[in-house]
Amino acid sequence: MKVICQNRKAYHDYSIEESYEAGIALTGTEIKSIRAGRVNLSDGFARPEDGELWLFNVHIAKYDPGSRANHEPTRPRKLLVHRRQIRELSGKFTQRGYALIPLKLYLKNGIAKVEIGLAKGKKLYDKRESMARRDAEQRIDRALKMARQRSR
């Protein structure tokens, strides 16, 4: 599994409750651009429409050697998920405050996959709390590392 792009901003802005793996319906120039690593997930989101799951606002850059048949960078892309998962996600998505956010785009056996997270938006004080917790963990790890180095 080769990770192409990660959405680190999603973990800061949302609390991720569940994650799902989905395939993406792509054109030829899109997969070539993905393999080149020219993807941005930061503003992307997914939404169920008409019994299908769609990925919006994910920027896959145009493939430079492509011809006039090149793709539109931010076009909606269909996600390939089982029907029962779409029904389950639709039910959870309609609850107040939930969003479907792309967390990671990767190649698995040569096939592009996206990890979608069922997320709930964090308030400002939640963001501050998670940043303080992360800083405390980093200080503890640093102190333990220094103590191990001194004992050698």
Protein backbone atom coordinates (compact mmCIF):
# COMPACT_ATOMS: atom_id res chain seq x y z
CA MET A 1 0.00 0.00 0.00
CA LYS A 2 1.52 3.31 -1.12
CA VAL A 3 0.04 6.42 0.50
CA ILE A 4 -0.21 9.23 -2.05
CA CYS A 5 -1.85 11.97 0.01
CA GLN A 6 -3.08 12.44 3.59
CA ASN A 7 -5.51 14.99 4.93
CA ARG A 8 -3.82 16.02 8.20
CA LYS A 9 -6.11 19.03 8.52
CA ALA A 10 -9.10 16.70 8.91
CA TYR A 11 -7.73 15.26 12.16
CA HIS A 12 -7.35 18.81 13.51
CA ASP A 13 -10.76 20.12 12.42
CA TYR A 14 -12.88 17.00 12.99
CA SER A 15 -13.17 14.12 15.40
CA ILE A 16 -13.19 10.99 13.25
CA GLU A 17 -15.65 8.38 14.50
CA GLU A 18 -15.43 5.70 11.78
CA SER A 19 -13.50 5.21 8.58
CA TYR A 20 -14.34 3.34 5.39
CA GLU A 21 -12.32 2.28 2.35
CA ALA A 22 -13.72 3.14 -1.07
CA GLY A 23 -12.56 2.84 -4.65
CA ILE A 24 -12.75 5.82 -7.00
CA ALA A 25 -14.03 5.90 -10.59
CA LEU A 26 -11.25 7.71 -12.46
CA THR A 27 -10.23 8.54 -16.01
CA GLY A 28 -6.83 7.60 -17.48
CA THR A 29 -5.20 10.99 -16.98
CA GLU A 30 -6.45 11.18 -13.38
CA ILE A 31 -4.78 7.94 -12.31
CA LYS A 32 -1.54 9.03 -13.98
CA SER A 33 -1.67 12.31 -12.10
CA ILE A 34 -2.40 10.45 -8.83
CA ARG A 35 0.58 8.16 -9.38
CA ALA A 36 2.68 11.32 -9.84
CA GLY A 37 1.42 12.48 -6.40
CA ARG A 38 -0.38 15.61 -7.60
CA VAL A 39 -3.46 15.41 -5.34
CA ASN A 40 -4.93 17.71 -2.68
CA LEU A 41 -7.57 16.35 -0.27
CA SER A 42 -7.75 19.29 2.14
CA ASP A 43 -11.02 20.83 0.91
CA GLY A 44 -12.69 17.60 -0.16
CA PHE A 45 -15.89 16.02 1.14
CA ALA A 46 -18.18 13.16 0.20
CA ARG A 47 -21.95 13.14 -0.01
CA PRO A 48 -24.55 10.49 -0.83
CA GLU A 49 -26.76 11.39 -3.80
CA ASP A 50 -29.37 9.18 -5.51
CA GLY A 51 -28.14 5.99 -3.86
CA GLU A 52 -24.50 6.66 -4.80
CA LEU A 53 -21.58 8.17 -2.91
CA TRP A 54 -19.78 11.09 -4.58
CA LEU A 55 -16.47 12.78 -3.76
CA PHE A 56 -16.44 16.55 -4.27
CA ASN A 57 -13.78 19.26 -4.29
CA VAL A 58 -10.75 16.95 -4.36
CA HIS A 59 -8.12 18.51 -6.59
CA ILE A 60 -6.30 16.10 -8.90
CA ALA A 61 -3.98 18.23 -11.04
CA LYS A 62 -4.14 18.01 -14.82
CA TYR A 63 -1.72 15.52 -16.32
CA ASP A 64 0.85 17.59 -18.23
CA PRO A 65 1.55 15.12 -21.08
CA GLY A 66 -2.23 14.65 -21.48
CA SER A 67 -3.98 15.74 -24.66
CA ARG A 68 -7.24 17.64 -25.14
CA ALA A 69 -8.97 14.73 -23.37
CA ASN A 70 -7.45 15.83 -20.05
CA HIS A 71 -9.72 15.81 -16.99
CA GLU A 72 -11.24 18.67 -14.99
CA PRO A 73 -9.19 19.00 -11.74
CA THR A 74 -12.07 19.31 -9.23
CA ARG A 75 -14.83 17.35 -10.94
CA PRO A 76 -17.14 15.17 -8.78
CA ARG A 77 -15.93 11.57 -8.66
CA LYS A 78 -18.04 8.52 -7.93
CA LEU A 79 -16.93 6.41 -4.97
CA LEU A 80 -17.22 2.66 -5.31
CA VAL A 81 -18.76 1.34 -2.09
CA HIS A 82 -21.17 -1.51 -1.31
CA ARG A 83 -24.86 -0.58 -1.30
CA ARG A 84 -25.33 -1.50 2.36
CA GLN A 85 -22.40 0.77 3.29
CA ILE A 86 -23.98 3.62 1.32
CA ARG A 87 -27.27 3.12 3.18
CA GLU A 88 -25.43 3.01 6.52
CA LEU A 89 -23.43 6.15 5.71
CA SER A 90 -26.53 7.97 4.43
CA GLY A 91 -28.31 7.29 7.71
CA LYS A 92 -25.40 8.55 9.79
CA PHE A 93 -24.70 11.47 7.44
CA THR A 94 -28.21 12.87 7.82
CA GLN A 95 -27.70 13.24 11.59
CA ARG A 96 -26.87 16.77 12.59
CA GLY A 97 -23.22 17.76 12.55
CA TYR A 98 -21.73 14.79 10.67
CA ALA A 99 -19.63 15.01 7.52
CA LEU A 100 -17.86 12.53 5.25
CA ILE A 101 -14.26 13.63 4.85
CA PRO A 102 -11.49 12.04 2.74
CA LEU A 103 -8.64 11.14 5.09
CA LYS A 104 -6.15 9.37 2.87
CA LEU A 105 -5.64 8.53 -0.80
CA TYR A 106 -3.48 5.50 -1.56
CA LEU A 107 -2.70 2.84 -4.13
CA LYS A 108 -3.54 -0.72 -3.12
CA ASN A 109 -2.37 -3.35 -5.62
CA GLY A 110 -2.21 -0.61 -8.27
CA ILE A 111 -5.80 0.54 -7.65
CA ALA A 112 -6.56 3.99 -6.23
CA LYS A 113 -8.48 3.88 -2.95
CA VAL A 114 -9.65 6.62 -0.62
CA GLU A 115 -10.25 6.33 3.11
CA ILE A 116 -13.44 8.22 4.03
CA GLY A 117 -14.03 9.23 7.64
CA LEU A 118 -17.38 9.85 9.29
CA ALA A 119 -16.51 13.01 11.17
CA LYS A 120 -18.06 15.50 13.52
CA GLY A 121 -16.75 19.07 13.56
CA LYS A 122 -14.68 20.15 16.57
CA LYS A 123 -15.31 23.35 18.46
CA LEU A 124 -12.43 25.76 19.08
CA TYR A 125 -11.99 24.61 22.68
CA ASP A 126 -11.81 20.97 21.51
CA LYS A 127 -9.02 21.91 19.09
CA ARG A 128 -7.12 23.66 21.88
CA GLU A 129 -7.56 20.66 24.16
CA SER A 130 -6.24 18.20 21.55
CA MET A 131 -3.27 20.48 20.83
CA ALA A 132 -2.45 20.71 24.55
CA ARG A 133 -2.73 16.92 24.89
CA ARG A 134 -0.41 16.39 21.90
CA ASP A 135 2.13 18.90 23.33
CA ALA A 136 2.08 17.12 26.70
CA GLU A 137 2.64 13.74 25.02
CA GLN A 138 5.57 15.17 23.05
CA ARG A 139 7.15 16.57 26.24
CA ILE A 140 6.78 13.21 27.99
CA ASP A 141 8.30 11.36 25.03
CA ARG A 142 11.20 13.84 24.92
CA ALA A 143 11.82 13.47 28.64
CA LEU A 144 11.78 9.66 28.43
CA LYS A 145 14.16 9.73 25.49
CA MET A 146 16.56 12.02 27.37
CA ALA A 147 16.38 9.78 30.46
CA ARG A 148 17.19 6.69 28.35
CA GLN A 149 20.15 8.47 26.75
CA ARG A 150 21.53 9.52 30.16
CA SER A 151 21.27 6.00 31.55
CA ARG A 152 23.46 4.58 28.73
